[in-house]
Protein backbone atom coordinates (compact mmCIF):
# COMPACT_ATOMS: atom_id res chain seq x y z
CA UNK A 1 -21.65 2.36 14.08
CA UNK A 2 -18.28 2.82 12.30
CA UNK A 3 -17.95 5.55 9.68
CA UNK A 4 -15.09 4.69 7.21
CA UNK A 5 -13.65 6.88 5.24
CA UNK A 6 -13.87 7.03 0.98
CA UNK A 7 -10.46 6.18 0.77
CA UNK A 8 -10.69 2.32 3.87
CA UNK A 9 -14.56 1.74 1.73
CA UNK A 10 -12.37 1.69 -1.90
CA UNK A 11 -9.57 -0.62 0.15
CA UNK A 12 -11.63 -3.35 0.99
CA UNK A 13 -14.29 -3.35 -2.27
CA UNK A 14 -10.94 -3.60 -4.34
CA UNK A 15 -9.62 -5.88 -1.60
CA UNK A 16 -12.25 -8.06 -2.29
CA UNK A 17 -12.75 -7.63 -6.20
CA UNK A 18 -9.15 -8.76 -6.87
CA UNK A 19 -9.90 -11.64 -3.84
CA UNK A 20 -5.99 -9.88 -2.02
CA UNK A 21 -4.82 -10.50 1.36
CA UNK A 22 -4.07 -7.45 1.19
CA UNK A 23 -4.43 -3.20 0.43
CA UNK A 24 -3.01 -0.76 0.49
CA UNK A 25 -2.52 3.41 -0.59
CA UNK A 26 -0.55 5.67 -0.91
CA UNK A 27 -0.32 9.15 -1.15
CA UNK A 28 2.52 11.51 -2.44
CA UNK A 29 3.49 13.48 -0.36
CA UNK A 30 4.92 16.54 -2.06
CA UNK A 31 7.15 17.62 0.51
CA UNK A 32 9.70 14.40 0.89
CA UNK A 33 9.72 12.60 -2.23
CA UNK A 34 8.52 10.47 -1.31
CA UNK A 35 4.86 7.86 -0.36
CA UNK A 36 3.21 7.73 3.21
CA UNK A 37 0.70 4.56 3.24
CA UNK A 38 -3.30 5.69 3.87
CA UNK A 39 -4.88 3.06 4.03
CA UNK A 40 -2.86 -0.08 4.41
CA UNK A 41 -5.48 -3.78 5.02
CA UNK A 42 -3.76 -6.97 6.04
CA UNK A 43 -4.10 -9.69 8.13
CA UNK A 44 -2.54 -8.06 11.59
CA UNK A 45 -3.87 -4.72 12.37
CA UNK A 46 -0.77 -4.02 13.96
CA UNK A 47 2.06 -5.15 10.76
CA UNK A 48 -0.97 -2.49 8.96
CA UNK A 49 -1.31 0.32 12.30
CA UNK A 50 2.95 0.19 11.51
CA UNK A 51 2.87 0.44 7.58
CA UNK A 52 0.30 3.72 8.34
CA UNK A 53 3.00 4.90 10.81
CA UNK A 54 6.58 4.34 10.35
CA UNK A 55 6.66 3.30 6.91
CA UNK A 56 7.27 6.28 3.94
CA UNK A 57 8.79 4.98 1.36
CA UNK A 58 11.15 6.35 -1.65
CA UNK A 59 9.28 6.85 -5.78
CA UNK A 60 11.20 3.67 -7.14
CA UNK A 61 11.01 1.54 -4.02
CA UNK A 62 9.15 -0.72 -3.77
CA UNK A 63 5.90 -2.52 -6.56
CA UNK A 64 4.93 1.24 -4.94
CA UNK A 65 7.63 3.03 -5.42
CA UNK A 66 7.85 1.75 -8.96
CA UNK A 67 3.79 2.47 -9.74
CA UNK A 68 3.68 6.37 -8.91
CA UNK A 69 8.03 6.91 -10.54
CA UNK A 70 6.65 4.99 -13.97
CA UNK A 71 2.62 6.20 -13.27
CA UNK A 72 1.28 2.85 -14.59
CA UNK A 73 -0.87 0.52 -12.45
CA UNK A 74 0.57 -3.25 -11.08
CA UNK A 75 -1.42 -5.99 -9.65
CA UNK A 76 1.19 -8.07 -8.19
CA UNK A 77 0.24 -11.69 -7.75
CA UNK A 78 3.04 -13.27 -5.84
CA UNK A 79 4.53 -10.33 -3.26
CA UNK A 80 8.03 -11.58 -2.26
CA UNK A 81 9.09 -12.71 -5.56
CA UNK A 82 8.74 -10.24 -7.43
CA UNK A 83 8.75 -7.68 -5.13
CA UNK A 84 12.20 -9.50 -2.81
CA UNK A 85 13.41 -6.30 -0.61
CA UNK A 86 9.37 -5.88 0.32
CA UNK A 87 10.19 -8.93 3.66
CA UNK A 88 12.49 -5.87 4.59
CA UNK A 89 9.24 -4.01 4.88
C-alpha cells in the first residue's frame, strides 16, 4: 500500500473539500527568501513534477507569494483571471 506524506494528505483533503481542480503547498526557504513547492496536485502529473522541482516563487510573486507576503489566506476561483502571470508558470 502507498504511504502518503502528511502534506500530500492535507493537499488531497483540501482539494476535495474545496472542489478544486488543483492544490499546492509551498514552503518558505529562509536561505533563498523564496517559496518552494512541497506538493502540487493538478490534472497533469508532468506539470506537478515540474512545479515541485523547478519553479521557486519569490515572496510577493503570484497568488502564493501574495499570501506569504501578507500572511493572509486567499481562495482563488479563477486562477488565470485573478493572477494573469500564473499562465507563465
